[in-house]
Amino acid sequence: MIILTNTTDKIQVKLDTTVTTNQFRCFASYRDTTTTSIVPVRNVLNTNNTTYVDLVDSPAASTQRIVDYISIYNSDTANKTVTISFNDNGTLYELFVTTLAPCEKIEYQEGLGFKVMSNAGSVKTSLNQGNNPASSTLNAVILGSDVINNNAVANTIQDVTGLSFPVLASKAYYFKFYINYSAALTTTGSRFSISGPSFTSLCFMSEYSLAATTTTRNANSIAYDLPAASNASSGQLVGNNAVIEGYIIPSVNGTVIARFASEVLSSAITAKAGSVCFYQQLT
Protein backbone atom coordinates (compact mmCIF):
# COMPACT_ATOMS: atom_id res chain seq x y z
CA MET A 1 0.00 0.00 0.00
CA ILE A 2 1.21 3.49 -0.85
CA ILE A 3 -0.34 6.29 1.23
CA LEU A 4 0.20 10.02 0.78
CA THR A 5 -0.57 11.80 4.04
CA ASN A 6 1.03 15.24 3.76
CA THR A 7 0.16 18.09 1.43
CA THR A 8 3.75 17.91 0.14
CA ASP A 9 3.68 14.18 -0.73
CA LYS A 10 3.44 13.04 -4.36
CA ILE A 11 4.35 10.17 -6.71
CA GLN A 12 6.44 11.17 -9.72
CA VAL A 13 7.73 9.50 -12.89
CA LYS A 14 10.62 10.22 -15.27
CA LEU A 15 12.64 8.55 -18.03
CA ASP A 16 16.41 8.24 -18.27
CA THR A 17 16.66 9.76 -21.77
CA THR A 18 14.55 11.58 -24.36
CA VAL A 19 12.07 9.37 -26.22
CA THR A 20 12.58 8.48 -29.85
CA THR A 21 8.96 8.90 -30.99
CA ASN A 22 6.31 8.77 -28.24
CA GLN A 23 6.14 9.67 -24.56
CA PHE A 24 5.14 6.86 -22.19
CA ARG A 25 1.44 6.67 -21.26
CA CYS A 26 0.71 6.76 -17.54
CA PHE A 27 -2.44 6.04 -15.50
CA ALA A 28 -3.12 6.07 -11.76
CA SER A 29 -6.23 5.47 -9.66
CA TYR A 30 -6.46 6.24 -5.95
CA ARG A 31 -8.81 7.07 -3.07
CA ASP A 32 -9.00 10.24 -1.02
CA THR A 33 -10.18 9.44 2.50
CA THR A 34 -11.21 11.80 5.27
CA THR A 35 -13.07 11.29 8.53
CA THR A 36 -16.34 11.64 6.64
CA SER A 37 -15.81 10.47 3.04
CA ILE A 38 -14.02 8.27 0.52
CA VAL A 39 -13.67 9.79 -2.96
CA PRO A 40 -12.26 7.77 -5.92
CA VAL A 41 -9.89 9.70 -8.21
CA ARG A 42 -7.89 8.89 -11.35
CA ASN A 43 -5.18 10.62 -13.34
CA VAL A 44 -3.80 10.16 -16.87
CA LEU A 45 -0.75 11.83 -18.37
CA ASN A 46 2.33 11.34 -20.52
CA THR A 47 5.95 11.34 -19.43
CA ASN A 48 8.17 14.34 -20.16
CA ASN A 49 11.50 12.72 -21.01
CA THR A 50 14.00 13.24 -18.13
CA THR A 51 11.76 15.72 -16.25
CA TYR A 52 9.64 14.35 -13.40
CA VAL A 53 5.86 14.51 -13.88
CA ASP A 54 3.30 14.20 -11.06
CA LEU A 55 1.46 10.92 -11.56
CA VAL A 56 -0.22 11.09 -8.13
CA ASP A 57 -0.41 14.67 -6.89
CA SER A 58 -0.44 15.81 -3.27
CA PRO A 59 -3.60 15.30 -1.20
CA ALA A 60 -5.52 18.14 0.39
CA ALA A 61 -5.16 18.93 4.07
CA SER A 62 -6.67 16.37 6.47
CA THR A 63 -6.84 13.84 3.61
CA GLN A 64 -5.12 10.51 3.07
CA ARG A 65 -4.55 9.56 -0.58
CA ILE A 66 -4.36 5.76 -1.00
CA VAL A 67 -2.86 4.57 -4.29
CA ASP A 68 -4.70 1.55 -5.71
CA TYR A 69 -3.22 1.16 -9.19
CA ILE A 70 -0.48 2.57 -11.44
CA SER A 71 0.26 1.72 -15.09
CA ILE A 72 3.18 3.06 -17.13
CA TYR A 73 3.28 1.82 -20.75
CA ASN A 74 6.18 2.14 -23.18
CA SER A 75 4.52 3.48 -26.33
CA ASP A 76 7.88 4.53 -27.74
CA THR A 77 9.98 2.56 -30.24
CA ALA A 78 13.06 2.23 -28.00
CA ASN A 79 13.98 0.92 -24.57
CA LYS A 80 13.92 3.42 -21.73
CA THR A 81 14.60 3.22 -18.00
CA VAL A 82 11.67 4.39 -15.88
CA THR A 83 12.06 5.78 -12.36
CA ILE A 84 9.03 6.02 -10.05
CA SER A 85 9.78 8.14 -6.98
CA PHE A 86 8.07 9.27 -3.81
CA ASN A 87 8.57 13.02 -3.38
CA ASP A 88 8.60 14.06 0.27
CA ASN A 89 8.51 17.86 0.07
CA GLY A 90 11.36 17.90 -2.46
CA THR A 91 13.31 14.88 -1.20
CA LEU A 92 13.07 11.99 -3.65
CA TYR A 93 12.93 8.31 -2.70
CA GLU A 94 13.01 5.80 -5.56
CA LEU A 95 10.17 3.30 -5.29
CA PHE A 96 10.81 1.33 -8.48
CA VAL A 97 13.34 1.52 -11.33
CA THR A 98 13.35 -0.71 -14.41
CA THR A 99 14.04 -0.70 -18.14
CA LEU A 100 11.01 -1.15 -20.39
CA ALA A 101 11.19 -2.39 -23.96
CA PRO A 102 8.56 -1.18 -26.46
CA CYS A 103 5.02 -2.35 -25.58
CA GLU A 104 6.06 -3.39 -22.06
CA LYS A 105 4.61 -1.74 -18.96
CA ILE A 106 4.96 -1.33 -15.22
CA GLU A 107 1.95 -2.11 -13.05
CA TYR A 108 1.43 -1.36 -9.37
CA GLN A 109 -1.52 -2.93 -7.54
CA GLU A 110 -2.38 -2.48 -3.90
CA GLY A 111 -1.49 -5.65 -2.03
CA LEU A 112 0.72 -6.96 -4.86
CA GLY A 113 3.26 -4.18 -5.37
CA PHE A 114 5.15 -3.47 -8.58
CA LYS A 115 5.62 -5.83 -11.53
CA VAL A 116 6.70 -5.57 -15.15
CA MET A 117 4.51 -6.93 -17.94
CA SER A 118 6.01 -8.18 -21.20
CA ASN A 119 4.68 -7.18 -24.62
CA ALA A 120 2.85 -10.53 -24.63
CA GLY A 121 1.02 -9.71 -21.39
CA SER A 122 3.00 -12.05 -19.12
CA VAL A 123 4.76 -11.05 -15.91
CA LYS A 124 8.53 -10.65 -16.24
CA THR A 125 10.41 -12.07 -13.28
CA SER A 126 13.99 -12.02 -12.07
CA LEU A 127 15.76 -13.63 -9.10
CA ASN A 128 18.45 -11.28 -7.80
CA GLN A 129 20.45 -12.06 -4.68
CA GLY A 130 23.15 -9.42 -4.35
CA ASN A 131 26.43 -10.59 -5.82
CA ASN A 132 25.32 -14.22 -6.01
CA PRO A 133 24.48 -15.79 -9.37
CA ALA A 134 20.91 -15.14 -10.41
CA SER A 135 18.62 -15.95 -13.28
CA SER A 136 15.48 -14.68 -14.92
CA THR A 137 12.80 -16.20 -17.08
CA LEU A 138 13.30 -16.48 -20.83
CA ASN A 139 11.70 -13.40 -22.38
CA ALA A 140 10.45 -12.89 -25.93
CA VAL A 141 10.29 -9.75 -28.07
CA ILE A 142 8.26 -10.07 -31.28
CA LEU A 143 8.76 -7.78 -34.27
CA GLY A 144 5.49 -5.93 -34.80
CA SER A 145 5.93 -4.81 -38.41
CA ASP A 146 8.21 -5.36 -41.41
CA VAL A 147 11.57 -3.53 -41.45
CA ILE A 148 13.08 -2.89 -44.90
CA ASN A 149 16.70 -2.30 -45.86
CA ASN A 150 17.00 -1.07 -49.45
CA ASN A 151 19.75 1.46 -48.85
CA ALA A 152 21.17 3.25 -51.87
CA VAL A 153 24.64 2.23 -50.67
CA ALA A 154 25.24 -1.51 -50.85
CA ASN A 155 26.05 -3.41 -47.64
CA THR A 156 24.86 -0.57 -45.36
CA ILE A 157 23.89 -2.15 -42.07
CA GLN A 158 20.89 -0.83 -40.12
CA ASP A 159 18.80 -1.72 -37.09
CA VAL A 160 15.91 -4.15 -37.22
CA THR A 161 13.91 -1.54 -35.32
CA GLY A 162 11.69 -3.15 -32.72
CA LEU A 163 13.72 -6.34 -32.37
CA SER A 164 15.87 -5.60 -29.32
CA PHE A 165 16.17 -6.12 -25.57
CA PRO A 166 17.42 -4.04 -22.61
CA VAL A 167 20.59 -4.91 -20.71
CA LEU A 168 22.17 -3.73 -17.46
CA ALA A 169 25.85 -3.13 -16.80
CA SER A 170 27.84 -6.12 -15.53
CA LYS A 171 24.93 -8.57 -15.95
CA ALA A 172 25.31 -11.62 -18.19
CA TYR A 173 22.72 -12.34 -20.90
CA TYR A 174 21.96 -15.16 -23.31
CA PHE A 175 20.14 -14.17 -26.52
CA LYS A 176 18.79 -15.69 -29.72
CA PHE A 177 17.28 -13.78 -32.62
CA TYR A 178 15.20 -15.74 -35.13
CA ILE A 179 14.49 -13.50 -38.15
CA ASN A 180 12.27 -14.43 -41.08
CA TYR A 181 13.15 -12.32 -44.11
CA SER A 182 12.42 -11.84 -47.80
CA ALA A 183 14.67 -10.71 -50.65
CA ALA A 184 13.79 -8.61 -53.68
CA LEU A 185 15.82 -11.04 -55.82
CA THR A 186 17.52 -14.34 -55.08
CA THR A 187 20.69 -12.68 -56.40
CA THR A 188 20.51 -10.19 -53.54
CA GLY A 189 22.53 -11.36 -50.56
CA SER A 190 22.50 -10.13 -46.97
CA ARG A 191 24.24 -10.15 -43.61
CA PHE A 192 22.82 -10.25 -40.10
CA SER A 193 24.48 -9.11 -36.89
CA ILE A 194 23.84 -7.15 -33.69
CA SER A 195 24.78 -3.88 -32.02
CA GLY A 196 24.56 -2.60 -28.48
CA PRO A 197 26.36 -0.87 -25.61
CA SER A 198 30.04 -1.26 -24.74
CA PHE A 199 30.82 -4.64 -23.23
CA THR A 200 33.33 -6.64 -21.25
CA SER A 201 32.42 -9.92 -22.95
CA LEU A 202 30.68 -10.73 -26.24
CA CYS A 203 30.53 -13.84 -28.40
CA PHE A 204 27.86 -14.72 -30.94
CA MET A 205 27.24 -16.66 -34.13
CA SER A 206 25.02 -15.84 -37.09
CA GLU A 207 23.61 -18.04 -39.82
CA TYR A 208 21.38 -17.09 -42.75
CA SER A 209 20.32 -18.17 -46.22
CA LEU A 210 22.73 -18.49 -49.14
CA ALA A 211 21.00 -20.97 -51.49
CA ALA A 212 18.08 -23.39 -51.40
CA THR A 213 20.00 -25.94 -49.29
CA THR A 214 22.99 -23.96 -47.95
CA THR A 215 23.61 -21.15 -45.48
CA THR A 216 26.28 -18.64 -44.56
CA ARG A 217 27.59 -19.27 -41.05
CA ASN A 218 29.73 -16.90 -39.01
CA ALA A 219 31.06 -18.43 -35.79
CA ASN A 220 32.63 -16.75 -32.77
CA SER A 221 32.02 -13.12 -33.67
CA ILE A 222 33.40 -10.95 -30.86
CA ALA A 223 32.51 -7.45 -32.12
CA TYR A 224 29.36 -5.68 -33.28
CA ASP A 225 28.30 -5.54 -36.95
CA LEU A 226 30.27 -8.64 -37.93
CA PRO A 227 30.60 -10.01 -40.54
CA ALA A 228 31.75 -6.92 -42.44
CA ALA A 229 30.53 -8.17 -45.83
CA SER A 230 27.23 -9.53 -47.10
CA ASN A 231 26.95 -12.92 -48.79
CA ALA A 232 26.10 -13.15 -52.49
CA SER A 233 22.55 -14.51 -52.65
CA SER A 234 19.35 -15.53 -50.88
CA GLY A 235 17.89 -19.02 -51.02
CA GLN A 236 14.45 -17.79 -52.03
CA LEU A 237 12.36 -14.68 -52.36
CA VAL A 238 10.32 -15.36 -49.22
CA GLY A 239 10.78 -17.62 -46.23
CA ASN A 240 14.48 -17.05 -45.66
CA ASN A 241 15.67 -17.36 -42.08
CA ALA A 242 18.48 -15.80 -40.05
CA VAL A 243 19.60 -16.90 -36.59
CA ILE A 244 21.85 -14.86 -34.28
CA GLU A 245 22.73 -16.49 -30.97
CA GLY A 246 25.18 -15.53 -28.28
CA TYR A 247 26.23 -14.22 -24.90
CA ILE A 248 27.02 -10.71 -23.65
CA ILE A 249 28.14 -8.93 -20.49
CA PRO A 250 27.65 -5.17 -21.11
CA SER A 251 29.79 -2.65 -19.24
CA VAL A 252 27.03 0.00 -19.29
CA ASN A 253 23.24 -0.05 -19.45
CA GLY A 254 21.82 -0.11 -22.95
CA THR A 255 20.00 -2.02 -25.67
CA VAL A 256 21.09 -4.98 -27.79
CA ILE A 257 19.44 -4.88 -31.22
CA ALA A 258 19.49 -7.02 -34.36
CA ARG A 259 21.07 -5.48 -37.48
CA PHE A 260 21.03 -6.38 -41.17
CA ALA A 261 22.21 -5.24 -44.60
CA SER A 262 21.47 -5.81 -48.28
CA GLU A 263 24.31 -6.82 -50.58
CA VAL A 264 22.88 -4.89 -53.55
CA LEU A 265 22.13 -1.17 -53.56
CA SER A 266 18.40 -0.32 -53.54
CA SER A 267 17.46 -4.04 -53.52
CA ALA A 268 15.36 -4.81 -50.48
CA ILE A 269 16.03 -7.30 -47.74
CA THR A 270 12.96 -7.23 -45.50
CA ALA A 271 12.87 -8.49 -41.91
CA LYS A 272 9.31 -9.74 -41.51
CA ALA A 273 6.81 -9.06 -38.75
CA GLY A 274 6.65 -11.99 -36.37
CA SER A 275 10.42 -12.40 -36.15
CA VAL A 276 11.39 -12.97 -32.54
CA CYS A 277 14.16 -12.34 -30.03
CA PHE A 278 14.57 -14.56 -26.96
CA TYR A 279 16.78 -13.37 -24.12
CA GLN A 280 17.52 -14.26 -20.52
CA GLN A 281 19.46 -12.51 -17.78
CA LEU A 282 21.84 -15.10 -16.32
CA THR A 283 23.48 -13.22 -13.44
Foldseek 3Di string as FASTA:
>chain_A
DDKAADQLKFKKKEWPFDFDPAFKKKKWWKWKDAPVDIDIDMDIDTHDHGDIDTRGHGDDHRIMIGTAKMKIAAQTQAKIKMWMWIQDNNDTDTDDIDIDHHQKMWMQGVPPGIFIAHNVGHTWDWDDDDPDKIKTDKDKFFFAFKDKAQAQDAQDKDFRGRAKDKDAAQWKKKKKWKWWKFWLFQQKWKDKWKDKAAFPWWFKKKWWANALPDIDIDGGDTHTPPPSATHGGGHHGGGIIMMMTIMTRHRHIMMMTMMMGIRDHRIMMMGGGGTMMIMMTTD
